[in-house]
């Protein structure tokens, strides 16, 4: 369906690849941030502004 719609345009593959790359990198960063292995480190850093 999409190939028939975009058949006349040759440069539309690049934005699709860029969007796919962005989504993959965004999901990777979210998974890296939410991992349990880093939870203790992020918890300690979150308390730094309140420590004197």
PDB file of N, CA and C in Angstrom:
ATOM      1  N   UNK A   1       0.815  -1.183   0.000  1.00  0.00           N
ATOM      2  CA  UNK A   1       0.000   0.000   0.000  1.00  0.00           C
ATOM      3  C   UNK A   1       0.863   1.253   0.000  1.00  0.00           C
ATOM      4  N   UNK A   2       1.845   1.312   0.905  1.00  0.00           N
ATOM      5  CA  UNK A   2       2.693   2.495   0.962  1.00  0.00           C
ATOM      6  C   UNK A   2       3.588   2.611  -0.256  1.00  0.00           C
ATOM      7  N   UNK A   3       4.028   1.493  -0.808  1.00  0.00           N
ATOM      8  CA  UNK A   3       4.892   1.535  -1.991  1.00  0.00           C
ATOM      9  C   UNK A   3       4.141   2.129  -3.176  1.00  0.00           C
ATOM     10  N   UNK A   4       2.890   1.806  -3.306  1.00  0.00           N
ATOM     11  CA  UNK A   4       2.110   2.389  -4.398  1.00  0.00           C
ATOM     12  C   UNK A   4       1.892   3.877  -4.186  1.00  0.00           C
ATOM     13  N   UNK A   5       1.714   4.279  -2.959  1.00  0.00           N
ATOM     14  CA  UNK A   5       1.484   5.691  -2.652  1.00  0.00           C
ATOM     15  C   UNK A   5       2.732   6.531  -2.889  1.00  0.00           C
ATOM     16  N   UNK A   6       3.891   6.009  -2.496  1.00  0.00           N
ATOM     17  CA  UNK A   6       5.141   6.750  -2.608  1.00  0.00           C
ATOM     18  C   UNK A   6       5.979   6.323  -3.822  1.00  0.00           C
ATOM     19  N   UNK A   7       5.397   5.697  -4.814  1.00  0.00           N
ATOM     20  CA  UNK A   7       6.145   5.182  -5.952  1.00  0.00           C
ATOM     21  C   UNK A   7       6.880   6.284  -6.716  1.00  0.00           C
ATOM     22  N   UNK A   8       6.315   7.446  -6.862  1.00  0.00           N
ATOM     23  CA  UNK A   8       6.928   8.510  -7.649  1.00  0.00           C
ATOM     24  C   UNK A   8       8.049   9.240  -6.932  1.00  0.00           C
ATOM     25  N   UNK A   9       8.150   9.161  -5.631  1.00  0.00           N
ATOM     26  CA  UNK A   9       9.159   9.892  -4.874  1.00  0.00           C
ATOM     27  C   UNK A   9      10.308   8.961  -4.500  1.00  0.00           C
ATOM     28  N   UNK A  10      11.529   9.364  -4.851  1.00  0.00           N
ATOM     29  CA  UNK A  10      12.675   8.492  -4.588  1.00  0.00           C
ATOM     30  C   UNK A  10      13.385   8.830  -3.277  1.00  0.00           C
ATOM     31  N   UNK A  11      13.220  10.011  -2.733  1.00  0.00           N
ATOM     32  CA  UNK A  11      13.937  10.416  -1.527  1.00  0.00           C
ATOM     33  C   UNK A  11      13.142  10.188  -0.239  1.00  0.00           C
ATOM     34  N   UNK A  12      12.050   9.492  -0.314  1.00  0.00           N
ATOM     35  CA  UNK A  12      11.254   9.269   0.889  1.00  0.00           C
ATOM     36  C   UNK A  12      11.767   8.116   1.731  1.00  0.00           C
ATOM     37  N   UNK A  13      12.718   7.351   1.217  1.00  0.00           N
ATOM     38  CA  UNK A  13      13.288   6.269   2.019  1.00  0.00           C
ATOM     39  C   UNK A  13      14.178   6.807   3.127  1.00  0.00           C
ATOM     40  N   UNK A  14      14.877   7.884   2.871  1.00  0.00           N
ATOM     41  CA  UNK A  14      15.792   8.454   3.865  1.00  0.00           C
ATOM     42  C   UNK A  14      15.073   8.925   5.134  1.00  0.00           C
ATOM     43  N   UNK A  15      13.980   9.678   5.048  1.00  0.00           N
ATOM     44  CA  UNK A  15      13.278  10.047   6.284  1.00  0.00           C
ATOM     45  C   UNK A  15      12.713   8.850   7.043  1.00  0.00           C
ATOM     46  N   UNK A  16      12.303   7.813   6.317  1.00  0.00           N
ATOM     47  CA  UNK A  16      11.784   6.621   6.997  1.00  0.00           C
ATOM     48  C   UNK A  16      12.896   5.920   7.759  1.00  0.00           C
ATOM     49  N   UNK A  17      14.074   5.835   7.159  1.00  0.00           N
ATOM     50  CA  UNK A  17      15.223   5.219   7.831  1.00  0.00           C
ATOM     51  C   UNK A  17      15.639   6.066   9.027  1.00  0.00           C
ATOM     52  N   UNK A  18      15.629   7.391   8.868  1.00  0.00           N
ATOM     53  CA  UNK A  18      15.994   8.275   9.976  1.00  0.00           C
ATOM     54  C   UNK A  18      15.000   8.146  11.134  1.00  0.00           C
ATOM     55  N   UNK A  19      13.716   8.057  10.823  1.00  0.00           N
ATOM     56  CA  UNK A  19      12.710   7.898  11.876  1.00  0.00           C
ATOM     57  C   UNK A  19      12.872   6.562  12.585  1.00  0.00           C
ATOM     58  N   UNK A  20      13.143   5.511  11.836  1.00  0.00           N
ATOM     59  CA  UNK A  20      13.377   4.198  12.439  1.00  0.00           C
ATOM     60  C   UNK A  20      14.608   4.249  13.345  1.00  0.00           C
ATOM     61  N   UNK A  21      15.680   4.915  12.908  1.00  0.00           N
ATOM     62  CA  UNK A  21      16.879   5.048  13.731  1.00  0.00           C
ATOM     63  C   UNK A  21      16.608   5.832  14.999  1.00  0.00           C
ATOM     64  N   UNK A  22      15.815   6.888  14.894  1.00  0.00           N
ATOM     65  CA  UNK A  22      15.461   7.672  16.074  1.00  0.00           C
ATOM     66  C   UNK A  22      14.660   6.846  17.065  1.00  0.00           C
ATOM     67  N   UNK A  23      13.698   6.097  16.571  1.00  0.00           N
ATOM     68  CA  UNK A  23      12.869   5.280  17.464  1.00  0.00           C
ATOM     69  C   UNK A  23      13.709   4.220  18.161  1.00  0.00           C
ATOM     70  N   UNK A  24      14.602   3.585  17.421  1.00  0.00           N
ATOM     71  CA  UNK A  24      15.473   2.563  18.013  1.00  0.00           C
ATOM     72  C   UNK A  24      16.372   3.177  19.081  1.00  0.00           C
ATOM     73  N   UNK A  25      16.960   4.332  18.787  1.00  0.00           N
ATOM     74  CA  UNK A  25      17.843   4.966  19.777  1.00  0.00           C
ATOM     75  C   UNK A  25      17.060   5.445  20.993  1.00  0.00           C
ATOM     76  N   UNK A  26      15.844   5.953  20.787  1.00  0.00           N
ATOM     77  CA  UNK A  26      15.026   6.409  21.908  1.00  0.00           C
ATOM     78  C   UNK A  26      14.664   5.243  22.826  1.00  0.00           C
ATOM     79  N   UNK A  27      14.260   4.128  22.240  1.00  0.00           N
ATOM     80  CA  UNK A  27      13.916   2.948  23.039  1.00  0.00           C
ATOM     81  C   UNK A  27      15.150   2.425  23.773  1.00  0.00           C
ATOM     82  N   UNK A  28      16.321   2.475  23.123  1.00  0.00           N
ATOM     83  CA  UNK A  28      17.553   2.017  23.774  1.00  0.00           C
ATOM     84  C   UNK A  28      17.893   2.887  24.980  1.00  0.00           C
ATOM     85  N   UNK A  29      17.745   4.203  24.854  1.00  0.00           N
ATOM     86  CA  UNK A  29      18.044   5.102  25.971  1.00  0.00           C
ATOM     87  C   UNK A  29      17.041   4.893  27.112  1.00  0.00           C
ATOM     88  N   UNK A  30      15.788   4.703  26.780  1.00  0.00           N
ATOM     89  CA  UNK A  30      14.783   4.466  27.825  1.00  0.00           C
ATOM     90  C   UNK A  30      15.068   3.153  28.553  1.00  0.00           C
ATOM     91  N   UNK A  31      15.414   2.115  27.817  1.00  0.00           N
ATOM     92  CA  UNK A  31      15.744   0.831  28.451  1.00  0.00           C
ATOM     93  C   UNK A  31      16.998   0.951  29.304  1.00  0.00           C
ATOM     94  N   UNK A  32      17.991   1.693  28.826  1.00  0.00           N
ATOM     95  CA  UNK A  32      19.225   1.882  29.591  1.00  0.00           C
ATOM     96  C   UNK A  32      18.932   2.641  30.880  1.00  0.00           C
ATOM     97  N   UNK A  33      18.062   3.644  30.811  1.00  0.00           N
ATOM     98  CA  UNK A  33      17.744   4.446  31.989  1.00  0.00           C
ATOM     99  C   UNK A  33      16.934   3.657  33.002  1.00  0.00           C
ATOM    100  N   UNK A  34      16.032   2.826  32.534  1.00  0.00           N
ATOM    101  CA  UNK A  34      15.140   2.099  33.429  1.00  0.00           C
ATOM    102  C   UNK A  34      15.699   0.765  33.920  1.00  0.00           C
ATOM    103  N   UNK A  35      16.916   0.419  33.538  1.00  0.00           N
ATOM    104  CA  UNK A  35      17.454  -0.874  33.946  1.00  0.00           C
ATOM    105  C   UNK A  35      17.686  -0.911  35.464  1.00  0.00           C
ATOM    106  N   UNK A  36      17.472  -2.046  36.049  1.00  0.00           N
ATOM    107  CA  UNK A  36      17.614  -2.192  37.501  1.00  0.00           C
ATOM    108  C   UNK A  36      19.068  -2.080  37.947  1.00  0.00           C
ATOM    109  N   UNK A  37      19.975  -2.395  37.060  1.00  0.00           N
ATOM    110  CA  UNK A  37      21.391  -2.358  37.409  1.00  0.00           C
ATOM    111  C   UNK A  37      21.837  -0.925  37.724  1.00  0.00           C
ATOM    112  N   UNK A  38      21.247   0.051  37.072  1.00  0.00           N
ATOM    113  CA  UNK A  38      21.631   1.448  37.284  1.00  0.00           C
ATOM    114  C   UNK A  38      20.748   2.162  38.310  1.00  0.00           C
ATOM    115  N   UNK A  39      19.776   1.476  38.856  1.00  0.00           N
ATOM    116  CA  UNK A  39      18.824   2.106  39.764  1.00  0.00           C
ATOM    117  C   UNK A  39      19.517   2.705  40.992  1.00  0.00           C
ATOM    118  N   UNK A  40      20.434   1.996  41.597  1.00  0.00           N
ATOM    119  CA  UNK A  40      21.103   2.495  42.802  1.00  0.00           C
ATOM    120  C   UNK A  40      21.931   3.749  42.488  1.00  0.00           C
ATOM    121  N   UNK A  41      22.590   3.742  41.349  1.00  0.00           N
ATOM    122  CA  UNK A  41      23.414   4.908  40.977  1.00  0.00           C
ATOM    123  C   UNK A  41      22.534   6.134  40.745  1.00  0.00           C
ATOM    124  N   UNK A  42      21.434   5.972  40.011  1.00  0.00           N
ATOM    125  CA  UNK A  42      20.545   7.096  39.744  1.00  0.00           C
ATOM    126  C   UNK A  42      19.852   7.567  41.019  1.00  0.00           C
ATOM    127  N   UNK A  43      19.559   6.640  41.928  1.00  0.00           N
ATOM    128  CA  UNK A  43      18.938   7.020  43.189  1.00  0.00           C
ATOM    129  C   UNK A  43      19.898   7.863  44.027  1.00  0.00           C
ATOM    130  N   UNK A  44      21.160   7.481  44.044  1.00  0.00           N
ATOM    131  CA  UNK A  44      22.160   8.269  44.777  1.00  0.00           C
ATOM    132  C   UNK A  44      22.335   9.642  44.149  1.00  0.00           C
ATOM    133  N   UNK A  45      22.346   9.719  42.844  1.00  0.00           N
ATOM    134  CA  UNK A  45      22.489  11.020  42.166  1.00  0.00           C
ATOM    135  C   UNK A  45      21.264  11.898  42.362  1.00  0.00           C
ATOM    136  N   UNK A  46      20.080  11.298  42.513  1.00  0.00           N
ATOM    137  CA  UNK A  46      18.871  12.094  42.705  1.00  0.00           C
ATOM    138  C   UNK A  46      18.843  12.770  44.073  1.00  0.00           C
ATOM    139  N   UNK A  47      19.576  12.201  45.043  1.00  0.00           N
ATOM    140  CA  UNK A  47      19.626  12.805  46.373  1.00  0.00           C
ATOM    141  C   UNK A  47      20.703  13.861  46.517  1.00  0.00           C
ATOM    142  N   UNK A  48      21.580  14.026  45.533  1.00  0.00           N
ATOM    143  CA  UNK A  48      22.691  14.979  45.634  1.00  0.00           C
ATOM    144  C   UNK A  48      22.246  16.431  45.860  1.00  0.00           C
ATOM    145  N   UNK A  49      21.216  16.942  45.199  1.00  0.00           N
ATOM    146  CA  UNK A  49      20.834  18.337  45.451  1.00  0.00           C
ATOM    147  C   UNK A  49      20.368  18.589  46.877  1.00  0.00           C
ATOM    148  N   UNK A  50      19.877  17.579  47.551  1.00  0.00           N
ATOM    149  CA  UNK A  50      19.374  17.764  48.911  1.00  0.00           C
ATOM    150  C   UNK A  50      20.437  17.576  49.976  1.00  0.00           C
ATOM    151  N   UNK A  51      21.567  16.969  49.636  1.00  0.00           N
ATOM    152  CA  UNK A  51      22.644  16.742  50.591  1.00  0.00           C
ATOM    153  C   UNK A  51      23.468  18.016  50.761  1.00  0.00           C
ATOM    154  N   UNK A  52      23.906  18.239  51.977  1.00  0.00           N
ATOM    155  CA  UNK A  52      24.779  19.401  52.242  1.00  0.00           C
ATOM    156  C   UNK A  52      26.157  18.934  52.661  1.00  0.00           C
TER     157      UNK A  52
END
